[in-house]
PDB file of N, CA and C in Angstrom:
ATOM      1  N   MET A   1      93.263 174.620  64.564  1.00  0.00           N
ATOM      2  CA  MET A   1      93.318 173.803  65.741  1.00  0.00           C
ATOM      3  C   MET A   1      93.198 174.723  66.962  1.00  0.00           C
ATOM      4  N   ASP A   2      92.314 174.351  67.760  1.00  0.00           N
ATOM      5  CA  ASP A   2      91.994 175.157  68.927  1.00  0.00           C
ATOM      6  C   ASP A   2      92.793 174.672  70.129  1.00  0.00           C
ATOM      7  N   VAL A   3      93.684 175.496  70.665  1.00  0.00           N
ATOM      8  CA  VAL A   3      94.496 175.151  71.826  1.00  0.00           C
ATOM      9  C   VAL A   3      93.885 175.853  73.022  1.00  0.00           C
ATOM     10  N   ASP A   4      93.395 175.070  73.928  1.00  0.00           N
ATOM     11  CA  ASP A   4      92.815 175.665  75.110  1.00  0.00           C
ATOM     12  C   ASP A   4      93.553 175.216  76.367  1.00  0.00           C
ATOM     13  N   PHE A   5      93.067 175.649  77.495  1.00  0.00           N
ATOM     14  CA  PHE A   5      93.731 175.386  78.762  1.00  0.00           C
ATOM     15  C   PHE A   5      93.752 173.894  79.102  1.00  0.00           C
ATOM     16  N   LYS A   6      92.671 173.178  78.812  1.00  0.00           N
ATOM     17  CA  LYS A   6      92.594 171.749  79.104  1.00  0.00           C
ATOM     18  C   LYS A   6      93.653 170.979  78.325  1.00  0.00           C
ATOM     19  N   LEU A   7      93.815 171.314  77.060  1.00  0.00           N
ATOM     20  CA  LEU A   7      94.807 170.629  76.227  1.00  0.00           C
ATOM     21  C   LEU A   7      96.207 170.895  76.741  1.00  0.00           C
ATOM     22  N   LEU A   8      96.487 172.147  77.096  1.00  0.00           N
ATOM     23  CA  LEU A   8      97.802 172.476  77.640  1.00  0.00           C
ATOM     24  C   LEU A   8      98.047 171.753  78.964  1.00  0.00           C
ATOM     25  N   LEU A   9      97.019 171.684  79.795  1.00  0.00           N
ATOM     26  CA  LEU A   9      97.131 170.983  81.073  1.00  0.00           C
ATOM     27  C   LEU A   9      97.368 169.488  80.842  1.00  0.00           C
ATOM     28  N   THR A  10      96.686 168.896  79.908  1.00  0.00           N
ATOM     29  CA  THR A  10      96.860 167.478  79.586  1.00  0.00           C
ATOM     30  C   THR A  10      98.263 167.222  79.054  1.00  0.00           C
ATOM     31  N   LEU A  11      98.724 168.050  78.138  1.00  0.00           N
ATOM     32  CA  LEU A  11     100.075 167.898  77.593  1.00  0.00           C
ATOM     33  C   LEU A  11     101.129 168.087  78.687  1.00  0.00           C
ATOM     34  N   GLY A  12     100.905 169.043  79.574  1.00  0.00           N
ATOM     35  CA  GLY A  12     101.816 169.268  80.692  1.00  0.00           C
ATOM     36  C   GLY A  12     101.858 168.060  81.617  1.00  0.00           C
ATOM     37  N   GLY A  13     100.701 167.493  81.895  1.00  0.00           N
ATOM     38  CA  GLY A  13     100.626 166.291  82.739  1.00  0.00           C
ATOM     39  C   GLY A  13     101.351 165.110  82.108  1.00  0.00           C
ATOM     40  N   MET A  14     101.183 164.961  80.792  1.00  0.00           N
ATOM     41  CA  MET A  14     101.859 163.873  80.076  1.00  0.00           C
ATOM     42  C   MET A  14     103.372 164.076  80.102  1.00  0.00           C
ATOM     43  N   LEU A  15     103.787 165.334  79.924  1.00  0.00           N
ATOM     44  CA  LEU A  15     105.216 165.642  79.952  1.00  0.00           C
ATOM     45  C   LEU A  15     105.811 165.346  81.323  1.00  0.00           C
ATOM     46  N   VAL A  16     105.086 165.719  82.373  1.00  0.00           N
ATOM     47  CA  VAL A  16     105.549 165.441  83.731  1.00  0.00           C
ATOM     48  C   VAL A  16     105.628 163.929  83.952  1.00  0.00           C
ATOM     49  N   SER A  17     104.654 163.185  83.456  1.00  0.00           N
ATOM     50  CA  SER A  17     104.658 161.724  83.600  1.00  0.00           C
ATOM     51  C   SER A  17     105.854 161.103  82.894  1.00  0.00           C
ATOM     52  N   VAL A  18     106.118 161.566  81.680  1.00  0.00           N
ATOM     53  CA  VAL A  18     107.250 161.023  80.912  1.00  0.00           C
ATOM     54  C   VAL A  18     108.566 161.358  81.606  1.00  0.00           C
ATOM     55  N   VAL A  19     108.711 162.583  82.079  1.00  0.00           N
ATOM     56  CA  VAL A  19     109.940 163.002  82.748  1.00  0.00           C
ATOM     57  C   VAL A  19     110.133 162.220  84.045  1.00  0.00           C
ATOM     58  N   SER A  20     109.054 162.066  84.818  1.00  0.00           N
ATOM     59  CA  SER A  20     109.178 161.327  86.075  1.00  0.00           C
ATOM     60  C   SER A  20     109.489 159.849  85.798  1.00  0.00           C
ATOM     61  N   ALA A  21     108.906 159.286  84.769  1.00  0.00           N
ATOM     62  CA  ALA A  21     109.219 157.896  84.400  1.00  0.00           C
ATOM     63  C   ALA A  21     110.685 157.771  83.987  1.00  0.00           C
ATOM     64  N   ALA A  22     111.196 158.759  83.267  1.00  0.00           N
ATOM     65  CA  ALA A  22     112.609 158.736  82.858  1.00  0.00           C
ATOM     66  C   ALA A  22     113.521 158.838  84.076  1.00  0.00           C
ATOM     67  N   VAL A  23     113.147 159.662  85.044  1.00  0.00           N
ATOM     68  CA  VAL A  23     113.945 159.790  86.269  1.00  0.00           C
ATOM     69  C   VAL A  23     113.940 158.471  87.042  1.00  0.00           C
ATOM     70  N   ILE A  24     112.788 157.847  87.136  1.00  0.00           N
ATOM     71  CA  ILE A  24     112.682 156.562  87.839  1.00  0.00           C
ATOM     72  C   ILE A  24     113.531 155.505  87.134  1.00  0.00           C
ATOM     73  N   VAL A  25     113.445 155.456  85.816  1.00  0.00           N
ATOM     74  CA  VAL A  25     114.241 154.485  85.054  1.00  0.00           C
ATOM     75  C   VAL A  25     115.726 154.754  85.247  1.00  0.00           C
ATOM     76  N   LYS A  26     116.120 156.009  85.231  1.00  0.00           N
ATOM     77  CA  LYS A  26     117.523 156.358  85.419  1.00  0.00           C
ATOM     78  C   LYS A  26     118.001 155.919  86.796  1.00  0.00           C
ATOM     79  N   THR A  27     117.182 156.146  87.820  1.00  0.00           N
ATOM     80  CA  THR A  27     117.532 155.760  89.186  1.00  0.00           C
ATOM     81  C   THR A  27     117.658 154.238  89.295  1.00  0.00           C
ATOM     82  N   LYS A  28     116.693 153.535  88.762  1.00  0.00           N
ATOM     83  CA  LYS A  28     116.727 152.065  88.806  1.00  0.00           C
ATOM     84  C   LYS A  28     117.918 151.528  88.014  1.00  0.00           C
ATOM     85  N   LEU A  29     118.196 152.141  86.881  1.00  0.00           N
ATOM     86  CA  LEU A  29     119.324 151.712  86.070  1.00  0.00           C
ATOM     87  C   LEU A  29     120.637 151.923  86.810  1.00  0.00           C
ATOM     88  N   GLN A  30     120.761 153.019  87.512  1.00  0.00           N
ATOM     89  CA  GLN A  30     121.963 153.287  88.303  1.00  0.00           C
ATOM     90  C   GLN A  30     122.119 152.228  89.393  1.00  0.00           C
ATOM     91  N   ALA A  31     121.008 151.856  90.036  1.00  0.00           N
ATOM     92  CA  ALA A  31     121.047 150.819  91.071  1.00  0.00           C
ATOM     93  C   ALA A  31     121.473 149.478  90.470  1.00  0.00           C
ATOM     94  N   VAL A  32     120.982 149.164  89.293  1.00  0.00           N
ATOM     95  CA  VAL A  32     121.352 147.909  88.622  1.00  0.00           C
ATOM     96  C   VAL A  32     122.831 147.928  88.242  1.00  0.00           C
ATOM     97  N   ILE A  33     123.313 149.052  87.785  1.00  0.00           N
ATOM     98  CA  ILE A  33     124.733 149.176  87.426  1.00  0.00           C
ATOM     99  C   ILE A  33     125.609 148.988  88.658  1.00  0.00           C
ATOM    100  N   GLU A  34     125.222 149.577  89.789  1.00  0.00           N
ATOM    101  CA  GLU A  34     125.982 149.410  91.026  1.00  0.00           C
ATOM    102  C   GLU A  34     125.966 147.956  91.489  1.00  0.00           C
ATOM    103  N   THR A  35     124.807 147.317  91.397  1.00  0.00           N
ATOM    104  CA  THR A  35     124.703 145.905  91.768  1.00  0.00           C
ATOM    105  C   THR A  35     125.566 145.052  90.861  1.00  0.00           C
ATOM    106  N   LEU A  36     125.551 145.357  89.591  1.00  0.00           N
ATOM    107  CA  LEU A  36     126.363 144.614  88.627  1.00  0.00           C
ATOM    108  C   LEU A  36     127.851 144.775  88.926  1.00  0.00           C
ATOM    109  N   ALA A  37     128.271 145.967  89.278  1.00  0.00           N
ATOM    110  CA  ALA A  37     129.676 146.204  89.634  1.00  0.00           C
ATOM    111  C   ALA A  37     130.054 145.411  90.881  1.00  0.00           C
ATOM    112  N   ASP A  38     129.153 145.363  91.861  1.00  0.00           N
ATOM    113  CA  ASP A  38     129.399 144.599  93.081  1.00  0.00           C
ATOM    114  C   ASP A  38     129.500 143.102  92.768  1.00  0.00           C
ATOM    115  N   VAL A  39     128.598 142.621  91.938  1.00  0.00           N
ATOM    116  CA  VAL A  39     128.626 141.202  91.552  1.00  0.00           C
ATOM    117  C   VAL A  39     129.912 140.884  90.794  1.00  0.00           C
ATOM    118  N   GLU A  40     130.324 141.782  89.921  1.00  0.00           N
ATOM    119  CA  GLU A  40     131.561 141.569  89.166  1.00  0.00           C
ATOM    120  C   GLU A  40     132.767 141.523  90.106  1.00  0.00           C
ATOM    121  N   GLN A  41     132.798 142.409  91.096  1.00  0.00           N
ATOM    122  CA  GLN A  41     133.897 142.421  92.062  1.00  0.00           C
ATOM    123  C   GLN A  41     133.913 141.114  92.864  1.00  0.00           C
ATOM    124  N   ARG A  42     132.758 140.671  93.297  1.00  0.00           N
ATOM    125  CA  ARG A  42     132.686 139.399  94.031  1.00  0.00           C
ATOM    126  C   ARG A  42     133.103 138.229  93.160  1.00  0.00           C
ATOM    127  N   LEU A  43     132.702 138.257  91.913  1.00  0.00           N
ATOM    128  CA  LEU A  43     133.068 137.190  90.985  1.00  0.00           C
ATOM    129  C   LEU A  43     134.577 137.139  90.781  1.00  0.00           C
ATOM    130  N   ARG A  44     135.205 138.291  90.681  1.00  0.00           N
ATOM    131  CA  ARG A  44     136.663 138.335  90.540  1.00  0.00           C
ATOM    132  C   ARG A  44     137.350 137.755  91.785  1.00  0.00           C
ATOM    133  N   LYS A  45     136.820 138.084  92.972  1.00  0.00           N
ATOM    134  CA  LYS A  45     137.386 137.523  94.205  1.00  0.00           C
ATOM    135  C   LYS A  45     137.218 136.009  94.246  1.00  0.00           C
ATOM    136  N   LEU A  46     136.049 135.542  93.856  1.00  0.00           N
ATOM    137  CA  LEU A  46     135.813 134.093  93.826  1.00  0.00           C
ATOM    138  C   LEU A  46     136.710 133.410  92.810  1.00  0.00           C
ATOM    139  N   ASP A  47     136.920 134.055  91.684  1.00  0.00           N
ATOM    140  CA  ASP A  47     137.796 133.500  90.655  1.00  0.00           C
ATOM    141  C   ASP A  47     139.226 133.390  91.166  1.00  0.00           C
ATOM    142  N   ALA A  48     139.681 134.429  91.861  1.00  0.00           N
ATOM    143  CA  ALA A  48     141.035 134.406  92.427  1.00  0.00           C
ATOM    144  C   ALA A  48     141.152 133.311  93.480  1.00  0.00           C
ATOM    145  N   ALA A  49     140.124 133.173  94.317  1.00  0.00           N
ATOM    146  CA  ALA A  49     140.145 132.120  95.343  1.00  0.00           C
ATOM    147  C   ALA A  49     140.142 130.743  94.701  1.00  0.00           C
ATOM    148  N   ALA A  50     139.382 130.579  93.640  1.00  0.00           N
ATOM    149  CA  ALA A  50     139.354 129.293  92.938  1.00  0.00           C
ATOM    150  C   ALA A  50     140.714 128.991  92.306  1.00  0.00           C
ATOM    151  N   ASP A  51     141.358 130.007  91.763  1.00  0.00           N
ATOM    152  CA  ASP A  51     142.694 129.816  91.192  1.00  0.00           C
ATOM    153  C   ASP A  51     143.692 129.395  92.262  1.00  0.00           C
ATOM    154  N   ARG A  52     143.635 130.055  93.434  1.00  0.00           N
ATOM    155  CA  ARG A  52     144.536 129.682  94.529  1.00  0.00           C
ATOM    156  C   ARG A  52     144.279 128.251  94.985  1.00  0.00           C
ATOM    157  N   ALA A  53     143.004 127.893  95.106  1.00  0.00           N
ATOM    158  CA  ALA A  53     142.653 126.540  95.541  1.00  0.00           C
ATOM    159  C   ALA A  53     143.133 125.502  94.518  1.00  0.00           C
ATOM    160  N   GLN A  54     142.984 125.805  93.245  1.00  0.00           N
ATOM    161  CA  GLN A  54     143.430 124.875  92.211  1.00  0.00           C
ATOM    162  C   GLN A  54     144.946 124.723  92.248  1.00  0.00           C
ATOM    163  N   THR A  55     145.665 125.826  92.442  1.00  0.00           N
ATOM    164  CA  THR A  55     147.122 125.768  92.522  1.00  0.00           C
ATOM    165  C   THR A  55     147.556 124.932  93.715  1.00  0.00           C
ATOM    166  N   GLN A  56     146.904 125.142  94.859  1.00  0.00           N
ATOM    167  CA  GLN A  56     147.239 124.367  96.047  1.00  0.00           C
ATOM    168  C   GLN A  56     146.945 122.888  95.837  1.00  0.00           C
ATOM    169  N   GLN A  57     145.853 122.607  95.160  1.00  0.00           N
ATOM    170  CA  GLN A  57     145.502 121.213  94.889  1.00  0.00           C
ATOM    171  C   GLN A  57     146.548 120.565  93.978  1.00  0.00           C
ATOM    172  N   GLU A  58     147.007 121.295  92.979  1.00  0.00           N
ATOM    173  CA  GLU A  58     148.030 120.753  92.078  1.00  0.00           C
ATOM    174  C   GLU A  58     149.339 120.510  92.827  1.00  0.00           C
ATOM    175  N   VAL A  59     149.705 121.443  93.714  1.00  0.00           N
ATOM    176  CA  VAL A  59     150.931 121.282  94.499  1.00  0.00           C
ATOM    177  C   VAL A  59     150.814 120.053  95.395  1.00  0.00           C
ATOM    178  N   MET A  60     149.675 119.913  96.050  1.00  0.00           N
ATOM    179  CA  MET A  60     149.477 118.750  96.917  1.00  0.00           C
ATOM    180  C   MET A  60     149.500 117.458  96.110  1.00  0.00           C
ATOM    181  N   GLY A  61     148.936 117.485  94.937  1.00  0.00           N
ATOM    182  CA  GLY A  61     148.976 116.303  94.068  1.00  0.00           C
ATOM    183  C   GLY A  61     150.400 115.935  93.693  1.00  0.00           C
ATOM    184  N   GLN A  62     151.216 116.944  93.392  1.00  0.00           N
ATOM    185  CA  GLN A  62     152.617 116.682  93.060  1.00  0.00           C
ATOM    186  C   GLN A  62     153.362 116.123  94.259  1.00  0.00           C
ATOM    187  N   ARG A  63     153.084 116.667  95.446  1.00  0.00           N
ATOM    188  CA  ARG A  63     153.740 116.172  96.658  1.00  0.00           C
ATOM    189  C   ARG A  63     153.361 114.717  96.926  1.00  0.00           C
ATOM    190  N   VAL A  64     152.096 114.417  96.781  1.00  0.00           N
ATOM    191  CA  VAL A  64     151.640 113.036  96.983  1.00  0.00           C
ATOM    192  C   VAL A  64     152.309 112.117  95.969  1.00  0.00           C
ATOM    193  N   GLN A  65     152.436 112.577  94.744  1.00  0.00           N
ATOM    194  CA  GLN A  65     153.084 111.766  93.704  1.00  0.00           C
ATOM    195  C   GLN A  65     154.544 111.497  94.070  1.00  0.00           C
ATOM    196  N   VAL A  66     155.247 112.516  94.558  1.00  0.00           N
ATOM    197  CA  VAL A  66     156.652 112.353  94.947  1.00  0.00           C
ATOM    198  C   VAL A  66     156.759 111.370  96.108  1.00  0.00           C
ATOM    199  N   LEU A  67     155.918 111.562  97.123  1.00  0.00           N
ATOM    200  CA  LEU A  67     155.951 110.654  98.273  1.00  0.00           C
ATOM    201  C   LEU A  67     155.575 109.233  97.863  1.00  0.00           C
ATOM    202  N   SER A  68     154.632 109.122  96.982  1.00  0.00           N
ATOM    203  CA  SER A  68     154.217 107.807  96.506  1.00  0.00           C
ATOM    204  C   SER A  68     155.358 107.105  95.785  1.00  0.00           C
ATOM    205  N   SER A  69     156.076 107.848  94.962  1.00  0.00           N
ATOM    206  CA  SER A  69     157.195 107.228  94.239  1.00  0.00           C
ATOM    207  C   SER A  69     158.344 106.889  95.188  1.00  0.00           C
ATOM    208  N   MET A  70     158.534 107.739  96.227  1.00  0.00           N
ATOM    209  CA  MET A  70     159.615 107.475  97.190  1.00  0.00           C
ATOM    210  C   MET A  70     159.319 106.237  98.032  1.00  0.00           C
ATOM    211  N   LEU A  71     158.062 106.020  98.328  1.00  0.00           N
ATOM    212  CA  LEU A  71     157.681 104.919  99.210  1.00  0.00           C
ATOM    213  C   LEU A  71     157.147 103.708  98.451  1.00  0.00           C
ATOM    214  N   SER A  72     157.421 103.647  97.172  1.00  0.00           N
ATOM    215  CA  SER A  72     156.931 102.509  96.401  1.00  0.00           C
ATOM    216  C   SER A  72     157.621 101.226  96.868  1.00  0.00           C
ATOM    217  N   PRO A  73     156.937 100.095  96.835  1.00  0.00           N
ATOM    218  CA  PRO A  73     157.523  98.831  97.292  1.00  0.00           C
ATOM    219  C   PRO A  73     158.817  98.463  96.553  1.00  0.00           C
ATOM    220  N   GLU A  74     158.880  98.770  95.286  1.00  0.00           N
ATOM    221  CA  GLU A  74     160.084  98.446  94.516  1.00  0.00           C
ATOM    222  C   GLU A  74     161.291  99.217  95.049  1.00  0.00           C
ATOM    223  N   LYS A  75     161.096 100.510  95.285  1.00  0.00           N
ATOM    224  CA  LYS A  75     162.211 101.328  95.782  1.00  0.00           C
ATOM    225  C   LYS A  75     162.570 100.939  97.213  1.00  0.00           C
ATOM    226  N   MET A  76     161.570 100.637  98.035  1.00  0.00           N
ATOM    227  CA  MET A  76     161.853 100.215  99.410  1.00  0.00           C
ATOM    228  C   MET A  76     162.643  98.903  99.410  1.00  0.00           C
ATOM    229  N   GLU A  77     162.298  97.988  98.532  1.00  0.00           N
ATOM    230  CA  GLU A  77     163.010  96.710  98.442  1.00  0.00           C
ATOM    231  C   GLU A  77     164.449  96.942  97.985  1.00  0.00           C
ATOM    232  N   ALA A  78     164.629  97.814  96.992  1.00  0.00           N
ATOM    233  CA  ALA A  78     165.976  98.107  96.511  1.00  0.00           C
ATOM    234  C   ALA A  78     166.813  98.752  97.615  1.00  0.00           C
ATOM    235  N   ARG A  79     166.205  99.661  98.361  1.00  0.00           N
ATOM    236  CA  ARG A  79     166.942 100.298  99.469  1.00  0.00           C
ATOM    237  C   ARG A  79     167.297  99.276 100.550  1.00  0.00           C
ATOM    238  N   ALA A  80     166.386  98.387 100.845  1.00  0.00           N
ATOM    239  CA  ALA A  80     166.656  97.362 101.859  1.00  0.00           C
ATOM    240  C   ALA A  80     167.825  96.481 101.427  1.00  0.00           C
ATOM    241  N   ARG A  81     167.852  96.113 100.149  1.00  0.00           N
ATOM    242  CA  ARG A  81     168.982  95.301  99.643  1.00  0.00           C
ATOM    243  C   ARG A  81     170.284  96.080  99.712  1.00  0.00           C
ATOM    244  N   GLU A  82     170.215  97.363  99.350  1.00  0.00           N
ATOM    245  CA  GLU A  82     171.412  98.207  99.390  1.00  0.00           C
ATOM    246  C   GLU A  82     171.930  98.350 100.821  1.00  0.00           C
ATOM    247  N   ILE A  83     171.021  98.575 101.767  1.00  0.00           N
ATOM    248  CA  ILE A  83     171.430  98.699 103.173  1.00  0.00           C
ATOM    249  C   ILE A  83     172.009  97.385 103.672  1.00  0.00           C
ATOM    250  N   ALA A  84     171.399  96.264 103.290  1.00  0.00           N
ATOM    251  CA  ALA A  84     171.917  94.962 103.704  1.00  0.00           C
ATOM    252  C   ALA A  84     173.315  94.748 103.138  1.00  0.00           C
ATOM    253  N   SER A  85     173.513  95.169 101.894  1.00  0.00           N
ATOM    254  CA  SER A  85     174.828  95.020 101.269  1.00  0.00           C
ATOM    255  C   SER A  85     175.853  95.905 101.983  1.00  0.00           C
ATOM    256  N   ILE A  86     175.457  97.139 102.318  1.00  0.00           N
ATOM    257  CA  ILE A  86     176.371  98.049 103.022  1.00  0.00           C
ATOM    258  C   ILE A  86     176.719  97.494 104.400  1.00  0.00           C
ATOM    259  N   LEU A  87     175.720  96.989 105.120  1.00  0.00           N
ATOM    260  CA  LEU A  87     175.977  96.404 106.436  1.00  0.00           C
ATOM    261  C   LEU A  87     176.911  95.193 106.335  1.00  0.00           C
ATOM    262  N   LYS A  88     176.726  94.408 105.310  1.00  0.00           N
ATOM    263  CA  LYS A  88     177.583  93.243 105.086  1.00  0.00           C
ATOM    264  C   LYS A  88     179.015  93.696 104.826  1.00  0.00           C
ATOM    265  N   ASP A  89     179.175  94.747 103.991  1.00  0.00           N
ATOM    266  CA  ASP A  89     180.509  95.276 103.710  1.00  0.00           C
ATOM    267  C   ASP A  89     181.155  95.834 104.976  1.00  0.00           C
ATOM    268  N   ILE A  90     180.383  96.529 105.803  1.00  0.00           N
ATOM    269  CA  ILE A  90     180.915  97.085 107.054  1.00  0.00           C
ATOM    270  C   ILE A  90     181.364  95.954 107.971  1.00  0.00           C
ATOM    271  N   GLU A  91     180.566  94.910 108.071  1.00  0.00           N
ATOM    272  CA  GLU A  91     180.935  93.762 108.913  1.00  0.00           C
ATOM    273  C   GLU A  91     182.214  93.125 108.398  1.00  0.00           C
ATOM    274  N   HIS A  92     182.328  93.020 107.090  1.00  0.00           N
ATOM    275  CA  HIS A  92     183.528  92.438 106.485  1.00  0.00           C
ATOM    276  C   HIS A  92     184.750  93.307 106.790  1.00  0.00           C
ATOM    277  N   ILE A  93     184.588  94.644 106.679  1.00  0.00           N
ATOM    278  CA  ILE A  93     185.692  95.569 106.956  1.00  0.00           C
ATOM    279  C   ILE A  93     186.065  95.508 108.435  1.00  0.00           C
ATOM    280  N   LYS A  94     185.082  95.406 109.334  1.00  0.00           N
ATOM    281  CA  LYS A  94     185.375  95.280 110.763  1.00  0.00           C
ATOM    282  C   LYS A  94     186.210  94.035 111.052  1.00  0.00           C
ATOM    283  N   ARG A  95     185.846  92.911 110.432  1.00  0.00           N
ATOM    284  CA  ARG A  95     186.608  91.661 110.650  1.00  0.00           C
ATOM    285  C   ARG A  95     188.010  91.804 110.128  1.00  0.00           C
ATOM    286  N   LYS A  96     188.154  92.458 109.018  1.00  0.00           N
ATOM    287  CA  LYS A  96     189.458  92.625 108.414  1.00  0.00           C
ATOM    288  C   LYS A  96     190.356  93.495 109.309  1.00  0.00           C
ATOM    289  N   VAL A  97     189.793  94.560 109.866  1.00  0.00           N
ATOM    290  CA  VAL A  97     190.534  95.473 110.700  1.00  0.00           C
ATOM    291  C   VAL A  97     190.902  94.796 112.022  1.00  0.00           C
ATOM    292  N   CYS A  98     190.007  94.050 112.583  1.00  0.00           N
ATOM    293  CA  CYS A  98     190.248  93.405 113.878  1.00  0.00           C
ATOM    294  C   CYS A  98     191.258  92.265 113.767  1.00  0.00           C
ATOM    295  N   THR A  99     191.459  91.683 112.665  1.00  0.00           N
ATOM    296  CA  THR A  99     192.402  90.559 112.551  1.00  0.00           C
ATOM    297  C   THR A  99     193.748  90.956 112.046  1.00  0.00           C
TER     298      THR A  99
END
């Protein structure tokens, strides 16, 4: 096999091409890894914000449920009857004391 200058030059050129392509791929891969890390960090922040929002929504739902049960017509009617009964008892006690 005859090795001459042209063959060595061609092989050298191919080697330089392969090495430069590997460097370019390495650089691009590093950029993709950095972008992926940034996206992951943003995703974690969004996940935390979504968790906080869900917790706040659940708390508000519980508060609305408590207020709803406190202001239900049945309970309001029972309280009105109880207050009327207490007022009646107070009036009765006032008459008793005054006489």
